[in-house]
Amino acid sequence: MKRVWKVTGRAASPGIPGKHTIALLPKTVAGQKIDYVVLDHATDSRATILIVGD
């Protein structure tokens, strides 16, 4: 599952808490390691498409 938050630029204020929440999330679930990755699209809609399209 992917979640894209704006963490820079004019619309960053709602996304910053989401970015900080990642530090509170579990590192393992049912013995399976979970990796969380934060990607900044830098307020560039083309970058968002590349990130989500992965």
C-alpha atoms as a PDB file:
ATOM      1  CA  MET A   1       0.000   0.000   0.000  1.00  0.00           C
ATOM      2  CA  LYS A   2       1.257   3.465  -0.845  1.00  0.00           C
ATOM      3  CA  ARG A   3       0.387   6.741   0.787  1.00  0.00           C
ATOM      4  CA  VAL A   4       1.624  10.048  -0.626  1.00  0.00           C
ATOM      5  CA  TRP A   5       1.851  13.039   1.684  1.00  0.00           C
ATOM      6  CA  LYS A   6       2.998  16.499   0.781  1.00  0.00           C
ATOM      7  CA  VAL A   7       5.824  17.175   3.220  1.00  0.00           C
ATOM      8  CA  THR A   8       7.373  20.185   1.498  1.00  0.00           C
ATOM      9  CA  GLY A   9       5.980  23.263  -0.175  1.00  0.00           C
ATOM     10  CA  ARG A  10       2.791  25.260   0.389  1.00  0.00           C
ATOM     11  CA  ALA A  11       0.568  22.247   1.157  1.00  0.00           C
ATOM     12  CA  ALA A  12       2.994  20.579   3.566  1.00  0.00           C
ATOM     13  CA  SER A  13       1.201  21.255   6.850  1.00  0.00           C
ATOM     14  CA  PRO A  14      -1.173  18.224   6.646  1.00  0.00           C
ATOM     15  CA  GLY A  15       1.585  15.911   5.435  1.00  0.00           C
ATOM     16  CA  ILE A  16       4.238  16.631   8.033  1.00  0.00           C
ATOM     17  CA  PRO A  17       2.377  14.826  10.866  1.00  0.00           C
ATOM     18  CA  GLY A  18       1.941  11.844   8.559  1.00  0.00           C
ATOM     19  CA  LYS A  19       5.651  11.754   7.914  1.00  0.00           C
ATOM     20  CA  HIS A  20       6.367  11.892  11.637  1.00  0.00           C
ATOM     21  CA  THR A  21       3.825   9.117  12.313  1.00  0.00           C
ATOM     22  CA  ILE A  22       6.007   6.648  10.435  1.00  0.00           C
ATOM     23  CA  ALA A  23       8.480   6.657  13.334  1.00  0.00           C
ATOM     24  CA  LEU A  24       5.690   5.368  15.590  1.00  0.00           C
ATOM     25  CA  LEU A  25       4.581   2.505  13.331  1.00  0.00           C
ATOM     26  CA  PRO A  26       5.619  -1.089  14.089  1.00  0.00           C
ATOM     27  CA  LYS A  27       8.838  -2.373  12.526  1.00  0.00           C
ATOM     28  CA  THR A  28       7.515  -5.947  12.392  1.00  0.00           C
ATOM     29  CA  VAL A  29       4.082  -7.547  12.105  1.00  0.00           C
ATOM     30  CA  ALA A  30       3.602 -11.265  12.710  1.00  0.00           C
ATOM     31  CA  GLY A  31       7.366 -11.701  12.521  1.00  0.00           C
ATOM     32  CA  GLN A  32       7.599  -9.984   9.116  1.00  0.00           C
ATOM     33  CA  LYS A  33       9.867  -6.945   8.786  1.00  0.00           C
ATOM     34  CA  ILE A  34       8.211  -3.804   7.439  1.00  0.00           C
ATOM     35  CA  ASP A  35      10.138  -1.072   5.652  1.00  0.00           C
ATOM     36  CA  TYR A  36       8.607   2.385   5.461  1.00  0.00           C
ATOM     37  CA  VAL A  37       9.906   4.696   2.756  1.00  0.00           C
ATOM     38  CA  VAL A  38       9.305   8.436   2.594  1.00  0.00           C
ATOM     39  CA  LEU A  39       9.606   9.924  -0.871  1.00  0.00           C
ATOM     40  CA  ASP A  40       9.324  13.674  -1.362  1.00  0.00           C
ATOM     41  CA  HIS A  41       7.713  14.739  -4.615  1.00  0.00           C
ATOM     42  CA  ALA A  42       8.845  18.342  -3.973  1.00  0.00           C
ATOM     43  CA  THR A  43       5.467  19.767  -5.055  1.00  0.00           C
ATOM     44  CA  ASP A  44       6.014  18.411  -8.560  1.00  0.00           C
ATOM     45  CA  SER A  45       2.959  16.570  -9.917  1.00  0.00           C
ATOM     46  CA  ARG A  46       5.141  14.703 -12.421  1.00  0.00           C
ATOM     47  CA  ALA A  47       7.252  13.346  -9.565  1.00  0.00           C
ATOM     48  CA  THR A  48       4.081  12.227  -7.781  1.00  0.00           C
ATOM     49  CA  ILE A  49       3.042  10.237 -10.835  1.00  0.00           C
ATOM     50  CA  LEU A  50       6.442   8.541 -10.903  1.00  0.00           C
ATOM     51  CA  ILE A  51       6.277   7.718  -7.191  1.00  0.00           C
ATOM     52  CA  VAL A  52       2.725   6.349  -7.296  1.00  0.00           C
ATOM     53  CA  GLY A  53       3.317   4.536 -10.564  1.00  0.00           C
ATOM     54  CA  ASP A  54       6.070   2.381  -9.045  1.00  0.00           C
END
